Protein backbone atom coordinates (compact mmCIF):
# COMPACT_ATOMS: atom_id res chain seq x y z
CA MET A 1 -13.75 11.84 6.63
CA ASN A 2 -11.34 9.36 8.17
CA GLN A 3 -8.14 7.82 6.83
CA ARG A 4 -9.98 4.73 5.48
CA ASP A 5 -12.49 6.94 3.59
CA ILE A 6 -9.64 8.87 1.95
CA VAL A 7 -7.86 5.68 0.86
CA GLN A 8 -11.04 4.12 -0.54
CA TRP A 9 -11.92 7.34 -2.38
CA ILE A 10 -8.48 7.31 -4.03
CA MET A 11 -8.93 3.63 -4.92
CA ARG A 12 -12.31 4.31 -6.57
CA LYS A 13 -10.86 7.21 -8.54
CA THR A 14 -7.73 5.46 -9.77
CA ILE A 15 -8.23 1.68 -10.05
CA LYS A 16 -9.59 0.56 -13.42
CA GLU A 17 -11.27 -2.72 -14.32
CA ASN A 18 -8.07 -4.17 -15.84
CA SER A 19 -5.58 -2.68 -13.36
CA ILE A 20 -2.62 -4.63 -12.03
CA CYS A 21 -2.57 -3.94 -8.30
CA VAL A 22 -0.56 -4.85 -5.24
CA ASP A 23 -1.44 -4.70 -1.56
CA MET A 24 1.97 -4.44 0.05
CA THR A 25 0.66 -5.15 3.57
CA LEU A 26 -2.34 -7.49 3.59
CA GLY A 27 -3.26 -7.28 7.25
CA ASN A 28 -6.85 -8.52 7.53
CA GLY A 29 -7.34 -8.38 3.76
CA ASN A 30 -9.76 -5.46 3.65
CA ASP A 31 -7.79 -3.38 1.15
CA LEU A 32 -7.23 -6.40 -1.09
CA VAL A 33 -10.96 -7.20 -1.15
CA TYR A 34 -11.77 -3.58 -2.02
CA ILE A 35 -9.14 -3.54 -4.78
CA MET A 36 -10.28 -6.90 -6.12
CA ASN A 37 -13.83 -5.59 -6.56
CA LEU A 38 -12.60 -2.52 -8.46
CA ALA A 39 -10.07 -4.35 -10.66
CA MET A 40 -12.60 -7.00 -11.70
CA ASN A 41 -10.59 -8.20 -14.70
CA GLY A 42 -7.17 -7.20 -13.42
CA LYS A 43 -4.52 -8.96 -11.41
CA VAL A 44 -4.09 -8.46 -7.67
CA TYR A 45 -1.06 -9.36 -5.57
CA GLY A 46 -0.93 -9.25 -1.78
CA PHE A 47 2.07 -9.44 0.56
CA ASP A 48 2.34 -10.14 4.27
CA ILE A 49 5.01 -11.71 6.43
CA GLN A 50 2.47 -13.25 8.79
CA ARG A 51 0.66 -16.47 7.89
CA VAL A 52 -2.35 -15.36 9.92
CA ALA A 53 -2.75 -12.34 7.60
CA ILE A 54 -2.70 -14.62 4.56
CA GLN A 55 -5.28 -16.89 6.21
CA ARG A 56 -7.58 -14.00 7.19
CA THR A 57 -7.45 -12.72 3.63
CA LYS A 58 -8.18 -16.16 2.15
CA GLU A 59 -11.29 -16.35 4.31
CA LYS A 60 -12.63 -13.19 2.64
CA ILE A 61 -12.05 -14.11 -1.01
CA LYS A 62 -12.81 -16.88 -3.45
CA PRO A 63 -9.77 -18.56 -5.01
CA SER A 64 -8.95 -16.99 -8.36
CA HIS A 65 -6.15 -17.17 -10.91
CA ARG A 66 -5.99 -13.39 -10.87
CA ILE A 67 -5.20 -13.14 -7.14
CA GLN A 68 -1.83 -14.12 -5.70
CA LEU A 69 -1.24 -14.01 -1.95
CA ILE A 70 2.43 -13.98 -1.00
CA ASN A 71 3.67 -14.92 2.47
CA ASP A 72 6.87 -12.89 2.31
CA SER A 73 8.14 -9.39 2.94
CA HIS A 74 7.13 -6.71 0.45
CA GLU A 75 10.82 -5.91 0.09
CA ASN A 76 11.02 -9.08 -2.05
CA ILE A 77 8.51 -7.76 -4.59
CA ASP A 78 10.93 -8.32 -7.49
CA LEU A 79 10.99 -12.06 -6.78
CA TYR A 80 7.24 -12.33 -7.40
CA ILE A 81 6.07 -9.51 -9.65
CA HIS A 82 7.69 -9.23 -13.06
CA GLU A 83 5.27 -6.74 -14.58
CA ASN A 84 4.50 -3.08 -14.11
CA ILE A 85 1.88 -2.01 -11.59
CA ASP A 86 -1.06 0.38 -11.91
CA PHE A 87 -1.89 0.68 -8.21
CA GLY A 88 -0.21 -0.13 -4.92
CA VAL A 89 -1.28 0.32 -1.32
CA TYR A 90 0.52 0.19 2.02
CA ASN A 91 -1.34 0.12 5.33
CA LEU A 92 1.68 0.20 7.60
CA GLY A 93 2.06 -0.72 11.25
CA TYR A 94 0.97 -3.93 12.91
CA LEU A 95 -1.72 -6.48 12.16
CA PRO A 96 -5.02 -5.39 13.76
CA SER A 97 -5.92 -7.88 16.52
CA GLY A 98 -2.44 -9.34 16.12
CA ASN A 99 0.93 -9.17 17.82
CA ARG A 100 1.76 -5.46 18.12
CA ASN A 101 5.45 -6.29 18.38
CA ILE A 102 5.45 -7.45 14.75
CA THR A 103 5.36 -4.31 12.63
CA THR A 104 6.41 -3.10 9.24
CA SER A 105 9.90 -1.62 9.34
CA VAL A 106 11.54 1.47 7.91
CA HIS A 107 14.11 -0.61 6.02
CA SER A 108 11.72 -2.99 4.25
CA THR A 109 9.12 -0.31 3.60
CA MET A 110 11.59 2.14 2.06
CA PHE A 111 13.26 -0.58 -0.01
CA SER A 112 9.95 -1.88 -1.37
CA LEU A 113 8.63 1.63 -2.02
CA LYS A 114 11.62 2.46 -4.21
CA VAL A 115 11.14 -0.78 -6.17
CA LEU A 116 7.40 -0.18 -6.49
CA LEU A 117 7.94 3.38 -7.77
CA ASN A 118 10.16 1.93 -10.52
CA LYS A 119 7.49 -0.64 -11.41
CA LEU A 120 4.70 1.94 -11.48
CA ASN A 121 3.10 2.61 -14.88
CA HIS A 122 2.62 6.20 -16.03
CA GLY A 123 -0.66 7.34 -14.50
CA GLY A 124 -0.25 4.71 -11.78
CA ASN A 125 -0.83 5.41 -8.10
CA ILE A 126 0.46 4.39 -4.70
CA VAL A 127 -1.34 5.13 -1.43
CA ILE A 128 0.47 4.83 1.90
CA SER A 129 -1.17 4.98 5.33
CA THR A 130 1.28 5.60 8.17
CA TYR A 131 0.63 5.29 11.89
CA PRO A 132 3.09 7.47 13.81
CA GLY A 133 1.51 6.56 17.18
CA HIS A 134 4.05 3.79 17.79
CA ARG A 135 7.85 3.92 17.58
CA GLU A 136 8.42 2.14 14.26
CA GLY A 137 5.39 3.86 12.70
CA TYR A 138 6.80 7.23 13.72
CA CYS A 139 10.16 6.38 12.10
CA GLU A 140 8.44 5.11 8.93
CA ASP A 141 6.37 8.26 8.63
CA ILE A 142 9.42 10.53 8.95
CA GLU A 143 11.46 8.57 6.39
CA ILE A 144 8.60 8.23 3.90
CA LYS A 145 7.83 11.94 4.05
CA LYS A 146 11.50 12.85 3.73
CA TYR A 147 11.95 10.54 0.74
CA LEU A 148 8.74 11.58 -1.04
CA THR A 149 9.76 15.24 -0.89
CA THR A 150 12.83 14.35 -2.99
CA LEU A 151 10.86 12.83 -5.89
CA ASN A 152 11.14 14.73 -9.16
CA GLN A 153 8.01 16.83 -9.64
CA HIS A 154 8.12 16.15 -13.38
CA GLU A 155 7.86 12.41 -12.70
CA PHE A 156 5.61 12.22 -9.62
CA ASP A 157 2.85 14.13 -7.89
CA VAL A 158 2.77 13.60 -4.14
CA LEU A 159 -0.10 14.61 -1.86
CA HIS A 160 -0.08 14.35 1.93
CA PHE A 161 -3.23 14.10 4.06
CA ASP A 162 -2.78 14.87 7.74
CA TYR A 163 -5.16 15.67 10.62
CA LEU A 164 -4.04 19.02 11.95
CA ASN A 165 -6.34 19.19 14.97
CA ARG A 166 -6.17 15.65 16.37
CA ARG A 167 -4.11 14.46 19.30
CA ASN A 168 -2.29 11.18 19.85
CA SER A 169 -0.47 10.93 16.51
CA PRO A 170 -3.34 10.16 14.09
CA PRO A 171 -2.73 8.24 10.85
CA LYS A 172 -1.43 10.04 7.78
CA VAL A 173 -2.01 9.29 4.11
CA TYR A 174 0.39 9.84 1.20
CA TRP A 175 -0.82 9.64 -2.42
CA ILE A 176 1.76 9.30 -5.18
CA THR A 177 0.92 9.47 -8.88
CA LYS A 178 3.43 8.81 -11.63
CA VAL A 179 2.82 11.62 -14.09
CA GLY A 180 3.44 11.57 -17.79
CA LYS A 181 2.08 9.44 -20.58
CA VAL A 182 -0.95 7.36 -19.65
């Protein structure tokens, strides 16, 4: 089972037909398309700072009033989303087949994660894929793990998926669930 399989399994288990979801890092749009098909009557937001990511995603979907693509940093989530969220996903790093010098950053990721945790409905979930094989990805992974270990266990469950026998800094997956009333 690879990182993508784990993330999609979590999506299938947690996203409901009417879920309000956000893809915090659109990339090529694959996560958004997967989410969109699970949350058939829900609302789906997608963020990316690169216009090419917005364009690649648009090429994979039909225009819909329930999908909003946002060409801005995920750290500005509060400017665009004024409702609570049922599911959020981060696929950190750089745009596949894009400029590897343009990456997500520790600052914007941590800021947006804290905002997203506050917007998360009870029973809601966030999945984060980190890529510690490059400098900024390594820093993001360390800070995310450090922060997630401080979350109150009565408010959040946090799982961490890591390959223990792979070389070259394989991706890691974090799964956060807001516990309590559903």
